[in-house]
Amino acid sequence: MAHREQLHELRQQAHNAGIEGNSKMTEDQLRNALRQVGKGVQPEMAKRQAKS
């Protein structure tokens, strides 16, 4: 159950960061995209890079 809560929290953080449509992203992809946004990358570009 803790893993599901952690994944939910990551999805919420991604949503708050402007990364839309993140429901099919893996935990690693979410973390990577959030890291990229933190470095100043646009949310859509960060999502695309994380999924590739």
C-alpha atoms as a PDB file:
ATOM      1  CA  MET A   1       0.000   0.000   0.000  1.00  0.00           C
ATOM      2  CA  ALA A   2       2.854   2.412   0.731  1.00  0.00           C
ATOM      3  CA  HIS A   3       4.093   2.069  -2.852  1.00  0.00           C
ATOM      4  CA  ARG A   4       0.680   3.092  -4.207  1.00  0.00           C
ATOM      5  CA  GLU A   5       0.604   6.117  -1.931  1.00  0.00           C
ATOM      6  CA  GLN A   6       4.101   7.099  -3.017  1.00  0.00           C
ATOM      7  CA  LEU A   7       3.149   6.763  -6.690  1.00  0.00           C
ATOM      8  CA  HIS A   8       0.012   8.824  -6.079  1.00  0.00           C
ATOM      9  CA  GLU A   9       2.116  11.530  -4.418  1.00  0.00           C
ATOM     10  CA  LEU A  10       4.518  11.573  -7.385  1.00  0.00           C
ATOM     11  CA  ARG A  11       1.601  11.904  -9.799  1.00  0.00           C
ATOM     12  CA  GLN A  12       0.226  14.809  -7.735  1.00  0.00           C
ATOM     13  CA  GLN A  13       3.617  16.521  -7.740  1.00  0.00           C
ATOM     14  CA  ALA A  14       3.866  16.054 -11.509  1.00  0.00           C
ATOM     15  CA  HIS A  15       0.397  17.523 -11.968  1.00  0.00           C
ATOM     16  CA  ASN A  16       1.304  20.499  -9.767  1.00  0.00           C
ATOM     17  CA  ALA A  17       4.475  20.989 -11.859  1.00  0.00           C
ATOM     18  CA  GLY A  18       2.386  21.185 -15.028  1.00  0.00           C
ATOM     19  CA  ILE A  19       3.109  17.688 -16.344  1.00  0.00           C
ATOM     20  CA  GLU A  20      -0.313  16.827 -17.752  1.00  0.00           C
ATOM     21  CA  GLY A  21      -1.477  13.329 -18.629  1.00  0.00           C
ATOM     22  CA  ASN A  22       0.963  11.523 -16.339  1.00  0.00           C
ATOM     23  CA  SER A  23      -1.307   8.606 -15.388  1.00  0.00           C
ATOM     24  CA  LYS A  24       0.513   6.115 -17.631  1.00  0.00           C
ATOM     25  CA  MET A  25       4.017   7.194 -16.651  1.00  0.00           C
ATOM     26  CA  THR A  26       6.119   4.883 -14.492  1.00  0.00           C
ATOM     27  CA  GLU A  27       7.589   5.935 -11.175  1.00  0.00           C
ATOM     28  CA  ASP A  28      11.030   6.368 -12.759  1.00  0.00           C
ATOM     29  CA  GLN A  29       9.585   8.438 -15.599  1.00  0.00           C
ATOM     30  CA  LEU A  30       7.760  10.667 -13.130  1.00  0.00           C
ATOM     31  CA  ARG A  31      10.887  11.199 -11.045  1.00  0.00           C
ATOM     32  CA  ASN A  32      12.925  11.973 -14.154  1.00  0.00           C
ATOM     33  CA  ALA A  33      10.351  14.443 -15.486  1.00  0.00           C
ATOM     34  CA  LEU A  34      10.090  16.200 -12.113  1.00  0.00           C
ATOM     35  CA  ARG A  35      13.891  16.462 -11.967  1.00  0.00           C
ATOM     36  CA  GLN A  36      13.930  17.993 -15.445  1.00  0.00           C
ATOM     37  CA  VAL A  37      11.216  20.529 -14.557  1.00  0.00           C
ATOM     38  CA  GLY A  38      13.231  21.419 -11.461  1.00  0.00           C
ATOM     39  CA  LYS A  39      16.148  22.255 -13.747  1.00  0.00           C
ATOM     40  CA  GLY A  40      13.996  24.624 -15.783  1.00  0.00           C
ATOM     41  CA  VAL A  41      12.842  22.359 -18.621  1.00  0.00           C
ATOM     42  CA  GLN A  42       9.294  23.003 -19.865  1.00  0.00           C
ATOM     43  CA  PRO A  43       6.843  20.395 -18.446  1.00  0.00           C
ATOM     44  CA  GLU A  44       5.778  18.996 -21.835  1.00  0.00           C
ATOM     45  CA  MET A  45       9.404  18.613 -22.952  1.00  0.00           C
ATOM     46  CA  ALA A  46      10.338  16.980 -19.640  1.00  0.00           C
ATOM     47  CA  LYS A  47       7.467  14.510 -20.062  1.00  0.00           C
ATOM     48  CA  ARG A  48       8.538  13.675 -23.607  1.00  0.00           C
ATOM     49  CA  GLN A  49      12.172  13.190 -22.578  1.00  0.00           C
ATOM     50  CA  ALA A  50      11.224  11.022 -19.603  1.00  0.00           C
ATOM     51  CA  LYS A  51       9.042   8.750 -21.747  1.00  0.00           C
ATOM     52  CA  SER A  52      11.708   8.211 -24.430  1.00  0.00           C
END
